[in-house]
Protein backbone atom coordinates (compact mmCIF):
# COMPACT_ATOMS: atom_id res chain seq x y z
CA UNK A 1 16.11 -6.32 15.13
CA UNK A 2 15.27 -5.73 11.53
CA UNK A 3 16.93 -8.92 10.67
CA UNK A 4 13.77 -9.97 8.38
CA UNK A 5 15.84 -12.94 6.56
CA UNK A 6 17.16 -14.54 10.08
CA UNK A 7 13.58 -14.65 10.95
CA UNK A 8 11.79 -16.14 7.93
CA UNK A 9 14.44 -18.95 8.13
CA UNK A 10 13.64 -19.54 11.93
CA UNK A 11 9.97 -19.47 11.24
CA UNK A 12 10.28 -21.72 8.16
CA UNK A 13 11.91 -24.10 10.34
CA UNK A 14 9.09 -23.45 13.34
CA UNK A 15 6.62 -24.61 10.95
CA UNK A 16 7.89 -27.24 9.74
CA UNK A 17 8.76 -29.05 13.03
CA UNK A 18 5.77 -27.76 14.61
CA UNK A 19 3.68 -30.95 15.99
CA UNK A 20 0.15 -29.09 16.20
CA UNK A 21 -1.56 -27.06 13.37
CA UNK A 22 -1.76 -24.24 15.59
CA UNK A 23 1.80 -23.92 15.73
CA UNK A 24 2.25 -24.34 12.30
CA UNK A 25 0.02 -21.53 11.12
CA UNK A 26 2.06 -19.30 13.89
CA UNK A 27 5.45 -20.38 12.14
CA UNK A 28 3.75 -19.89 8.99
CA UNK A 29 2.35 -16.82 9.44
CA UNK A 30 5.15 -15.10 10.61
CA UNK A 31 7.38 -16.62 8.22
CA UNK A 32 5.23 -14.98 5.39
CA UNK A 33 5.43 -11.85 7.36
CA UNK A 34 9.07 -12.12 7.26
CA UNK A 35 8.91 -12.90 3.29
CA UNK A 36 7.03 -9.80 3.04
CA UNK A 37 9.33 -7.46 4.68
CA UNK A 38 12.24 -8.97 2.87
CA UNK A 39 10.88 -8.44 -0.36
CA UNK A 40 10.60 -12.32 -1.13
CA UNK A 41 7.47 -11.42 -2.60
CA UNK A 42 7.30 -14.23 -5.43
CA UNK A 43 8.11 -17.00 -1.84
CA UNK A 44 5.44 -15.05 0.05
CA UNK A 45 2.75 -15.34 -3.07
CA UNK A 46 3.24 -19.00 -3.26
CA UNK A 47 2.86 -19.38 0.85
CA UNK A 48 0.19 -17.37 1.07
CA UNK A 49 -1.61 -19.47 -1.88
CA UNK A 50 -1.18 -22.67 0.11
CA UNK A 51 -2.67 -20.79 3.33
CA UNK A 52 -5.85 -19.71 1.49
CA UNK A 53 -6.74 -23.25 -0.06
CA UNK A 54 -6.57 -24.39 3.93
CA UNK A 55 -10.44 -24.84 5.26
CA UNK A 56 -9.07 -23.94 9.40
CA UNK A 57 -8.23 -20.48 9.07
CA UNK A 58 -10.36 -17.59 10.73
CA UNK A 59 -12.27 -14.61 8.67
CA UNK A 60 -9.09 -12.75 10.20
CA UNK A 61 -6.68 -14.93 9.39
CA UNK A 62 -7.80 -14.84 5.85
CA UNK A 63 -7.61 -11.12 6.22
CA UNK A 64 -4.30 -10.93 7.23
CA UNK A 65 -3.11 -13.14 4.12
CA UNK A 66 -5.23 -11.57 1.99
CA UNK A 67 -3.34 -8.19 3.20
CA UNK A 68 0.29 -9.72 2.79
CA UNK A 69 -0.61 -11.37 -0.62
CA UNK A 70 -1.79 -7.35 -1.56
CA UNK A 71 1.48 -6.04 -0.58
CA UNK A 72 3.31 -8.54 -2.74
CA UNK A 73 1.39 -8.14 -5.51
CA UNK A 74 2.26 -4.60 -5.23
CA UNK A 75 5.77 -5.10 -4.66
CA UNK A 76 5.88 -7.01 -8.43
CA UNK A 77 3.94 -3.94 -9.71
CA UNK A 78 0.82 -6.04 -9.96
CA UNK A 79 -1.69 -3.31 -8.93
CA UNK A 80 -5.21 -4.73 -10.36
CA UNK A 81 -4.12 -7.91 -7.98
CA UNK A 82 -3.14 -6.38 -5.05
CA UNK A 83 -6.09 -4.15 -5.43
CA UNK A 84 -8.51 -7.47 -5.61
CA UNK A 85 -6.42 -8.61 -2.77
CA UNK A 86 -6.91 -5.98 -0.63
CA UNK A 87 -10.42 -5.47 -1.08
CA UNK A 88 -11.14 -9.51 -0.49
CA UNK A 89 -9.22 -8.22 3.15
CA UNK A 90 -11.34 -5.71 4.05
CA UNK A 91 -14.44 -8.36 3.30
CA UNK A 92 -13.00 -10.88 5.50
CA UNK A 93 -12.18 -7.79 8.21
CA UNK A 94 -15.92 -7.17 7.88
CA UNK A 95 -16.93 -10.81 8.26
CA UNK A 96 -14.35 -11.46 11.38
CA UNK A 97 -15.72 -8.42 13.46
CA UNK A 98 -19.06 -8.46 12.45
CA UNK A 99 -19.05 -4.87 11.23
CA UNK A 100 -17.09 -3.87 14.40
CA UNK A 101 -13.54 -2.85 12.61
CA UNK A 102 -12.90 0.30 15.17
CA UNK A 103 -9.04 -0.42 16.21
CA UNK A 104 -8.72 -3.57 13.79
CA UNK A 105 -4.81 -3.01 12.61
CA UNK A 106 -5.22 -5.10 9.48
CA UNK A 107 -8.06 -2.99 8.13
CA UNK A 108 -5.87 0.09 9.09
CA UNK A 109 -2.89 -1.22 7.44
CA UNK A 110 -5.06 -2.29 4.07
CA UNK A 111 -5.57 1.39 3.63
CA UNK A 112 -2.51 2.50 4.58
CA UNK A 113 -1.33 0.10 1.82
CA UNK A 114 -3.92 1.09 -0.90
CA UNK A 115 -2.49 4.90 0.15
CA UNK A 116 1.39 4.17 -0.52
CA UNK A 117 0.54 2.43 -3.88
CA UNK A 118 -1.97 5.13 -4.95
CA UNK A 119 1.04 7.76 -3.62
CA UNK A 120 3.53 6.23 -5.95
CA UNK A 121 0.97 6.28 -9.03
CA UNK A 122 0.68 9.82 -8.54
CA UNK A 123 4.30 10.71 -7.94
CA UNK A 124 4.92 8.48 -11.00
CA UNK A 125 2.84 10.96 -13.31
CA UNK A 126 5.25 13.34 -15.11
CA UNK A 127 3.44 16.42 -16.26
CA UNK A 128 5.30 16.91 -20.04
CA UNK A 129 4.44 19.23 -23.00
CA UNK A 130 2.31 19.29 -25.00
CA UNK A 131 -0.40 21.33 -22.77
CA UNK A 132 -2.75 18.67 -24.26
CA UNK A 133 -0.79 16.12 -22.89
CA UNK A 134 -0.31 17.83 -19.55
CA UNK A 135 -3.70 18.43 -18.82
CA UNK A 136 -4.17 14.46 -19.15
CA UNK A 137 -1.58 13.76 -17.05
CA UNK A 138 -2.44 16.22 -14.52
CA UNK A 139 -5.81 14.98 -14.50
CA UNK A 140 -4.33 11.24 -13.72
CA UNK A 141 -2.23 12.70 -11.35
CA UNK A 142 -4.99 14.34 -9.47
CA UNK A 143 -7.67 11.05 -8.76
CA UNK A 144 -4.54 8.81 -8.16
CA UNK A 145 -3.58 11.81 -5.55
CA UNK A 146 -7.19 11.78 -4.28
CA UNK A 147 -7.50 8.06 -4.06
CA UNK A 148 -4.59 8.31 -1.92
CA UNK A 149 -5.89 11.04 0.08
CA UNK A 150 -9.02 9.01 0.50
CA UNK A 151 -7.70 5.72 1.74
CA UNK A 152 -4.89 7.97 4.27
CA UNK A 153 -8.46 9.18 5.62
CA UNK A 154 -9.97 5.87 6.19
CA UNK A 155 -6.85 4.61 7.76
CA UNK A 156 -6.67 7.47 10.10
CA UNK A 157 -10.58 6.84 10.73
CA UNK A 158 -9.79 2.77 11.83
CA UNK A 159 -8.14 4.64 15.15
CA UNK A 160 -5.54 1.84 15.46
CA UNK A 161 -2.68 4.31 17.40
CA UNK A 162 -0.05 3.16 15.09
CA UNK A 163 -1.24 3.07 11.58
CA UNK A 164 -3.08 6.50 12.44
CA UNK A 165 0.02 8.00 13.20
CA UNK A 166 1.72 6.70 10.11
CA UNK A 167 -1.14 7.45 8.18
CA UNK A 168 -1.38 11.27 9.29
CA UNK A 169 2.76 11.31 8.26
CA UNK A 170 2.16 10.16 4.74
CA UNK A 171 -0.69 12.47 3.83
CA UNK A 172 1.78 15.54 4.89
CA UNK A 173 3.98 14.17 2.57
CA UNK A 174 1.45 13.26 -0.07
CA UNK A 175 0.65 17.15 -0.10
CA UNK A 176 4.32 17.82 -0.41
CA UNK A 177 5.19 15.77 -3.03
CA UNK A 178 2.26 16.62 -5.02
CA UNK A 179 3.01 20.17 -4.82
CA UNK A 180 6.52 19.50 -5.83
CA UNK A 181 5.60 17.73 -8.58
CA UNK A 182 3.27 20.73 -10.10
CA UNK A 183 6.06 22.88 -9.51
CA UNK A 184 8.21 20.47 -11.57
CA UNK A 185 6.31 20.88 -14.31
CA UNK A 186 8.07 21.05 -17.49
CA UNK A 187 8.19 24.92 -18.85
CA UNK A 188 8.24 25.17 -22.56
CA UNK A 189 11.54 26.26 -24.24
CA UNK A 190 10.65 29.23 -25.64
CA UNK A 191 9.36 31.06 -22.19
CA UNK A 192 12.14 34.15 -21.18
CA UNK A 193 13.16 34.67 -17.60
CA UNK A 194 9.82 36.71 -16.99
CA UNK A 195 7.62 34.27 -18.93
CA UNK A 196 8.96 31.74 -17.10
CA UNK A 197 8.32 32.89 -13.35
CA UNK A 198 4.85 33.60 -14.38
CA UNK A 199 4.26 30.13 -15.61
CA UNK A 200 5.56 29.00 -12.02
CA UNK A 201 3.10 31.52 -10.30
CA UNK A 202 0.13 30.05 -12.46
CA UNK A 203 1.32 26.43 -11.69
CA UNK A 204 2.09 27.43 -7.70
CA UNK A 205 -1.67 28.31 -7.82
């Protein structure tokens, strides 16, 4: 029902009251998921740091923790730390599956989250004059766009039904947003209507 704050509190209590390690871990993992969903990234990071220090986790358990850790870092705009966590998650998935990653939901989500991060970075680069600055900004925007595109395509190639569908949708959104951003590039103040139309036509190309 999307009541992640309530769910988080209940799973936290479940973890506290659990009488077996398996039940406690189940509660902790579900609690962490809901902390991330509510945007309580600081508490989520604390929980995942504790979990990643434990010796009983499997590689796939660690992959999930690192994925949620990466999402939390991204939510706090710590993109370098997010990238390292997501890369480490991929390594743990490959270890836990012995390279047989087709259909793995954690791996697909890692690539999807990376795509979202780079999509946001691309969109956040404005195209402002003077022209030399705009050239540099367009190069940066394009670089982030291509990284986002690559990540969404990797998510598709994992062939997980949910994440493949989501990634396909986001690819369309990525292309559309990039196109609109370029067409919204700053127009020189001294352009008349005819020159502006020509300028926009060039941008569209």
